[in-house]
Protein backbone atom coordinates (compact mmCIF):
# COMPACT_ATOMS: atom_id res chain seq x y z
CA UNK A 1 14.97 5.45 -25.69
CA UNK A 2 11.67 5.48 -23.85
CA UNK A 3 8.67 7.72 -24.02
CA UNK A 4 7.32 10.19 -21.50
CA UNK A 5 3.69 11.00 -20.77
CA UNK A 6 2.79 14.39 -19.33
CA UNK A 7 -0.92 14.56 -18.64
CA UNK A 8 -1.91 16.87 -15.82
CA UNK A 9 -0.78 20.44 -15.21
CA UNK A 10 -2.57 22.14 -12.31
CA UNK A 11 -2.19 25.90 -12.49
CA UNK A 12 -1.82 26.94 -8.83
CA UNK A 13 1.50 26.01 -7.20
CA UNK A 14 1.50 22.29 -8.01
CA UNK A 15 4.17 19.86 -6.91
CA UNK A 16 5.72 17.60 -9.52
CA UNK A 17 5.67 13.80 -9.69
CA UNK A 18 7.90 11.69 -11.95
CA UNK A 19 6.99 8.00 -12.36
CA UNK A 20 9.40 5.42 -13.76
CA UNK A 21 8.02 2.26 -15.34
CA UNK A 22 9.09 -0.60 -17.59
CA UNK A 23 7.06 -2.00 -20.51
CA UNK A 24 7.62 -5.69 -19.75
CA UNK A 25 7.27 -8.22 -16.95
CA UNK A 26 4.36 -10.10 -15.42
CA UNK A 27 1.19 -9.22 -17.31
CA UNK A 28 -0.49 -8.24 -14.05
CA UNK A 29 2.27 -5.74 -13.30
CA UNK A 30 2.11 -4.22 -16.78
CA UNK A 31 -1.64 -3.92 -16.38
CA UNK A 32 -1.17 -2.08 -13.08
CA UNK A 33 1.31 0.31 -14.70
CA UNK A 34 -1.13 1.09 -17.50
CA UNK A 35 -3.83 1.76 -14.94
CA UNK A 36 -1.53 3.96 -12.84
CA UNK A 37 -0.48 6.01 -15.86
CA UNK A 38 -4.13 6.87 -16.47
CA UNK A 39 -5.28 7.30 -12.87
CA UNK A 40 -2.50 9.48 -11.44
CA UNK A 41 -2.65 12.18 -14.13
CA UNK A 42 -6.46 12.15 -14.07
CA UNK A 43 -6.33 13.06 -10.37
CA UNK A 44 -3.58 15.66 -10.67
CA UNK A 45 -5.63 18.82 -11.17
CA UNK A 46 -7.91 18.05 -8.23
CA UNK A 47 -5.02 17.17 -5.90
CA UNK A 48 -2.42 19.74 -6.82
CA UNK A 49 0.32 17.91 -8.71
CA UNK A 50 1.65 17.39 -12.21
CA UNK A 51 2.45 13.88 -13.38
CA UNK A 52 5.11 12.72 -15.80
CA UNK A 53 5.75 9.04 -16.58
CA UNK A 54 8.72 7.61 -18.44
CA UNK A 55 10.25 4.24 -19.25
CA UNK A 56 13.55 5.89 -20.16
CA UNK A 57 16.00 5.13 -17.35
CA UNK A 58 18.36 7.75 -18.78
CA UNK A 59 15.99 10.25 -17.16
CA UNK A 60 17.11 8.99 -13.74
CA UNK A 61 19.83 11.59 -13.24
CA UNK A 62 20.44 13.97 -10.36
CA UNK A 63 19.91 16.95 -12.68
CA UNK A 64 16.57 15.70 -13.98
CA UNK A 65 15.11 14.35 -10.73
CA UNK A 66 15.78 17.54 -8.77
CA UNK A 67 12.96 19.12 -10.82
CA UNK A 68 10.49 16.76 -9.10
CA UNK A 69 9.35 16.59 -5.50
CA UNK A 70 8.21 12.94 -5.72
CA UNK A 71 9.59 9.95 -7.65
CA UNK A 72 7.43 6.85 -8.14
CA UNK A 73 8.64 3.34 -8.98
CA UNK A 74 5.74 1.58 -10.70
CA UNK A 75 6.58 -2.07 -10.03
CA UNK A 76 9.61 -3.61 -11.80
CA UNK A 77 11.74 -0.46 -12.29
CA UNK A 78 14.86 -1.50 -10.37
CA UNK A 79 15.51 -4.37 -12.80
CA UNK A 80 16.10 -1.82 -15.58
CA UNK A 81 18.48 0.34 -13.58
CA UNK A 82 22.28 0.33 -13.75
CA UNK A 83 24.91 1.57 -11.33
CA UNK A 84 24.66 5.17 -12.57
CA UNK A 85 20.91 5.17 -11.94
CA UNK A 86 21.44 3.56 -8.53
CA UNK A 87 23.83 6.33 -7.48
CA UNK A 88 21.57 9.09 -8.83
CA UNK A 89 18.54 7.72 -6.99
CA UNK A 90 20.47 7.32 -3.74
CA UNK A 91 21.63 10.93 -3.97
CA UNK A 92 18.08 12.10 -4.72
CA UNK A 93 16.54 10.56 -1.60
CA UNK A 94 19.55 11.34 0.61
CA UNK A 95 19.05 14.99 -0.35
CA UNK A 96 15.41 14.88 0.78
CA UNK A 97 13.53 13.95 -2.38
CA UNK A 98 10.26 12.04 -1.92
CA UNK A 99 9.78 8.47 -3.14
CA UNK A 100 6.97 5.95 -3.28
CA UNK A 101 7.39 2.42 -4.61
CA UNK A 102 4.79 -0.21 -5.44
CA UNK A 103 4.72 -4.00 -5.24
CA UNK A 104 7.64 -5.46 -7.27
CA UNK A 105 9.87 -2.50 -6.47
CA UNK A 106 10.69 -4.45 -3.27
CA UNK A 107 10.85 -7.92 -4.82
CA UNK A 108 14.28 -9.53 -5.10
CA UNK A 109 15.93 -12.95 -5.25
CA UNK A 110 19.25 -11.49 -4.14
CA UNK A 111 19.33 -8.26 -2.11
CA UNK A 112 23.06 -7.95 -2.78
CA UNK A 113 22.23 -6.90 -6.33
CA UNK A 114 21.50 -3.50 -4.74
CA UNK A 115 22.24 -3.88 -1.02
CA UNK A 116 21.72 -0.20 -0.16
CA UNK A 117 18.19 -0.29 -1.57
CA UNK A 118 16.97 -3.62 -0.18
CA UNK A 119 18.81 -3.72 3.15
CA UNK A 120 19.34 -0.09 4.15
CA UNK A 121 16.59 1.85 2.39
CA UNK A 122 13.66 -0.61 2.28
CA UNK A 123 14.94 -2.77 5.14
CA UNK A 124 13.43 -5.98 3.74
CA UNK A 125 16.33 -8.18 2.79
CA UNK A 126 15.32 -11.05 0.53
CA UNK A 127 11.77 -11.74 -0.68
CA UNK A 128 10.32 -14.66 1.28
CA UNK A 129 6.82 -15.58 0.06
CA UNK A 130 3.64 -14.39 -1.61
CA UNK A 131 -0.06 -15.18 -1.52
CA UNK A 132 -1.98 -16.56 -4.49
CA UNK A 133 -4.46 -15.91 -6.05
CA UNK A 134 -4.73 -12.16 -5.57
CA UNK A 135 -7.29 -11.14 -2.95
CA UNK A 136 -8.34 -8.14 -0.91
CA UNK A 137 -7.30 -7.60 2.70
CA UNK A 138 -8.37 -5.31 5.51
CA UNK A 139 -5.59 -2.90 6.42
CA UNK A 140 -4.81 -2.42 10.09
CA UNK A 141 -3.37 1.05 10.70
CA UNK A 142 -0.23 0.70 12.82
CA UNK A 143 0.60 4.45 12.89
CA UNK A 144 -2.70 6.34 13.13
CA UNK A 145 -0.95 9.66 13.79
CA UNK A 146 1.13 9.58 10.61
CA UNK A 147 0.13 12.22 8.05
CA UNK A 148 -0.60 9.57 5.43
CA UNK A 149 -3.41 8.16 7.58
CA UNK A 150 -5.29 11.42 8.10
CA UNK A 151 -9.05 10.92 7.86
CA UNK A 152 -8.88 7.14 7.49
CA UNK A 153 -10.60 4.57 9.73
CA UNK A 154 -8.45 2.24 11.84
CA UNK A 155 -9.34 -0.61 9.49
CA UNK A 156 -10.08 -0.21 5.79
CA UNK A 157 -10.26 -2.28 2.61
CA UNK A 158 -7.52 -2.75 0.05
CA UNK A 159 -7.90 -3.44 -3.64
CA UNK A 160 -7.23 -6.97 -4.90
CA UNK A 161 -3.51 -7.80 -4.76
CA UNK A 162 -0.86 -10.49 -4.53
CA UNK A 163 0.75 -9.86 -1.12
CA UNK A 164 4.45 -10.22 -0.30
CA UNK A 165 6.47 -11.14 2.78
CA UNK A 166 10.23 -10.69 3.35
CA UNK A 167 12.93 -12.38 5.38
CA UNK A 168 13.50 -9.43 7.76
CA UNK A 169 11.10 -8.44 10.54
CA UNK A 170 10.54 -4.72 10.02
CA UNK A 171 9.38 -4.36 13.63
CA UNK A 172 13.01 -4.85 14.67
CA UNK A 173 14.25 -2.05 12.40
CA UNK A 174 14.39 1.30 14.25
CA UNK A 175 14.62 3.15 10.92
CA UNK A 176 11.23 1.86 9.70
CA UNK A 177 7.76 3.07 10.68
CA UNK A 178 5.12 0.50 9.77
CA UNK A 179 2.04 2.38 8.61
CA UNK A 180 -0.30 -0.53 7.86
CA UNK A 181 -0.32 -4.31 8.16
CA UNK A 182 -2.71 -7.16 7.36
CA UNK A 183 -5.58 -7.04 9.83
CA UNK A 184 -6.32 -10.36 11.53
CA UNK A 185 -9.87 -10.30 10.15
CA UNK A 186 -8.38 -10.75 6.66
CA UNK A 187 -7.19 -14.34 7.16
CA UNK A 188 -6.96 -16.51 5.21
CA UNK A 189 -5.25 -14.35 2.58
CA UNK A 190 -5.09 -16.11 -0.78
CA UNK A 191 -7.16 -18.89 -2.34
CA UNK A 192 -4.43 -21.46 -3.13
CA UNK A 193 -4.04 -23.56 0.04
CA UNK A 194 -0.31 -23.87 -0.60
CA UNK A 195 0.19 -20.13 -1.04
CA UNK A 196 -2.14 -18.63 1.54
CA UNK A 197 -1.52 -16.91 4.87
CA UNK A 198 -3.60 -18.14 7.78
CA UNK A 199 -2.11 -16.10 10.61
CA UNK A 200 0.85 -13.91 11.44
CA UNK A 201 2.03 -10.33 11.20
CA UNK A 202 2.58 -8.90 7.72
CA UNK A 203 3.51 -5.23 7.20
CA UNK A 204 2.36 -4.00 3.79
CA UNK A 205 2.86 -0.21 3.91
CA UNK A 206 5.75 1.49 5.68
CA UNK A 207 7.87 4.63 5.70
CA UNK A 208 11.61 5.09 6.10
CA UNK A 209 12.46 7.43 8.98
CA UNK A 210 15.79 8.61 7.55
CA UNK A 211 14.21 9.45 4.18
CA UNK A 212 10.98 10.91 2.86
CA UNK A 213 9.92 7.59 1.39
CA UNK A 214 7.04 5.10 1.48
CA UNK A 215 6.66 1.57 0.16
CA UNK A 216 3.22 0.16 -0.76
CA UNK A 217 2.88 -3.58 -1.34
CA UNK A 218 -0.10 -3.26 -3.67
CA UNK A 219 0.28 -3.06 -7.47
CA UNK A 220 -0.74 -6.45 -8.90
CA UNK A 221 -4.12 -6.65 -10.62
CA UNK A 222 -5.90 -9.97 -10.90
CA UNK A 223 -5.68 -11.25 -14.44
CA UNK A 224 -7.52 -13.57 -16.76
CA UNK A 225 -4.23 -14.64 -18.30
CA UNK A 226 -5.87 -16.78 -20.97
CA UNK A 227 -7.66 -13.75 -22.41
CA UNK A 228 -5.06 -11.09 -21.45
CA UNK A 229 -7.43 -8.92 -19.45
CA UNK A 230 -7.60 -7.72 -15.88
CA UNK A 231 -10.48 -8.65 -13.59
CA UNK A 232 -9.62 -6.15 -10.82
CA UNK A 233 -8.41 -2.57 -10.52
CA UNK A 234 -5.87 -1.22 -8.04
CA UNK A 235 -7.31 2.30 -7.85
CA UNK A 236 -10.81 1.16 -6.95
CA UNK A 237 -10.64 1.16 -3.14
CA UNK A 238 -11.79 4.55 -1.80
CA UNK A 239 -9.80 4.64 1.44
CA UNK A 240 -6.68 3.22 -0.19
CA UNK A 241 -6.94 5.97 -2.82
CA UNK A 242 -7.23 8.56 -0.03
CA UNK A 243 -4.09 7.14 1.54
CA UNK A 244 -2.29 7.69 -1.78
CA UNK A 245 -3.33 11.35 -1.93
CA UNK A 246 -2.21 11.79 1.68
CA UNK A 247 1.08 10.06 0.86
CA UNK A 248 1.80 12.23 -2.17
CA UNK A 249 1.32 15.36 -0.07
CA UNK A 250 3.51 13.96 2.70
CA UNK A 251 6.27 13.04 0.24
CA UNK A 252 6.09 16.49 -1.40
CA UNK A 253 6.33 18.08 2.07
CA UNK A 254 2.89 19.68 1.71
């Protein structure tokens, strides 16, 4: 059994956020989860939501999730899910529940392990490549009129991250709205010559038109692996943080 953390309880008509996380995986992902589970509840009172985090996948039931307006997947969650959790999550979002996933929630070696999620819902298919080492990018806003981009400049800075690409071109998917991509001024992305991007089109934030759902590619802090400490913070980019507040309100239908 896992543990749940309930930190923030705004008093005036808050919406409710439930975050699922796992306690293992790449050290950089675990570090991001620890940061998220401090940052999100700390912001709750100011931004009108309560925040609960759990690593107990038995909490992923239709009955439990209907109490929450927004579900978060903090990185590696789908690896810990079974068929019952898959079906409960699918029913949750098909019934209009809000969802936001980060970084490894879209990573896969075989999309057929959960074809609905990777092919239909996210639209990515198989993971294709990543950049290394983690670096910042400039976001290019592809959908400036989307609610999540309210008040943001057309180009803004990310936090440090390892960036992903997938086999499918999301521009060809009519059910996807790309919200932000890597701005051309960001290249090269990465510092390892063999794992860097020098040009191209890379969507990194998008929404799913048939669902109230958003995927964000960020969620990998830079690590000093030898000393087990992070050297960057995900929630340290002002405009990216503002996007997250906008996104939570959008997902909660506020």
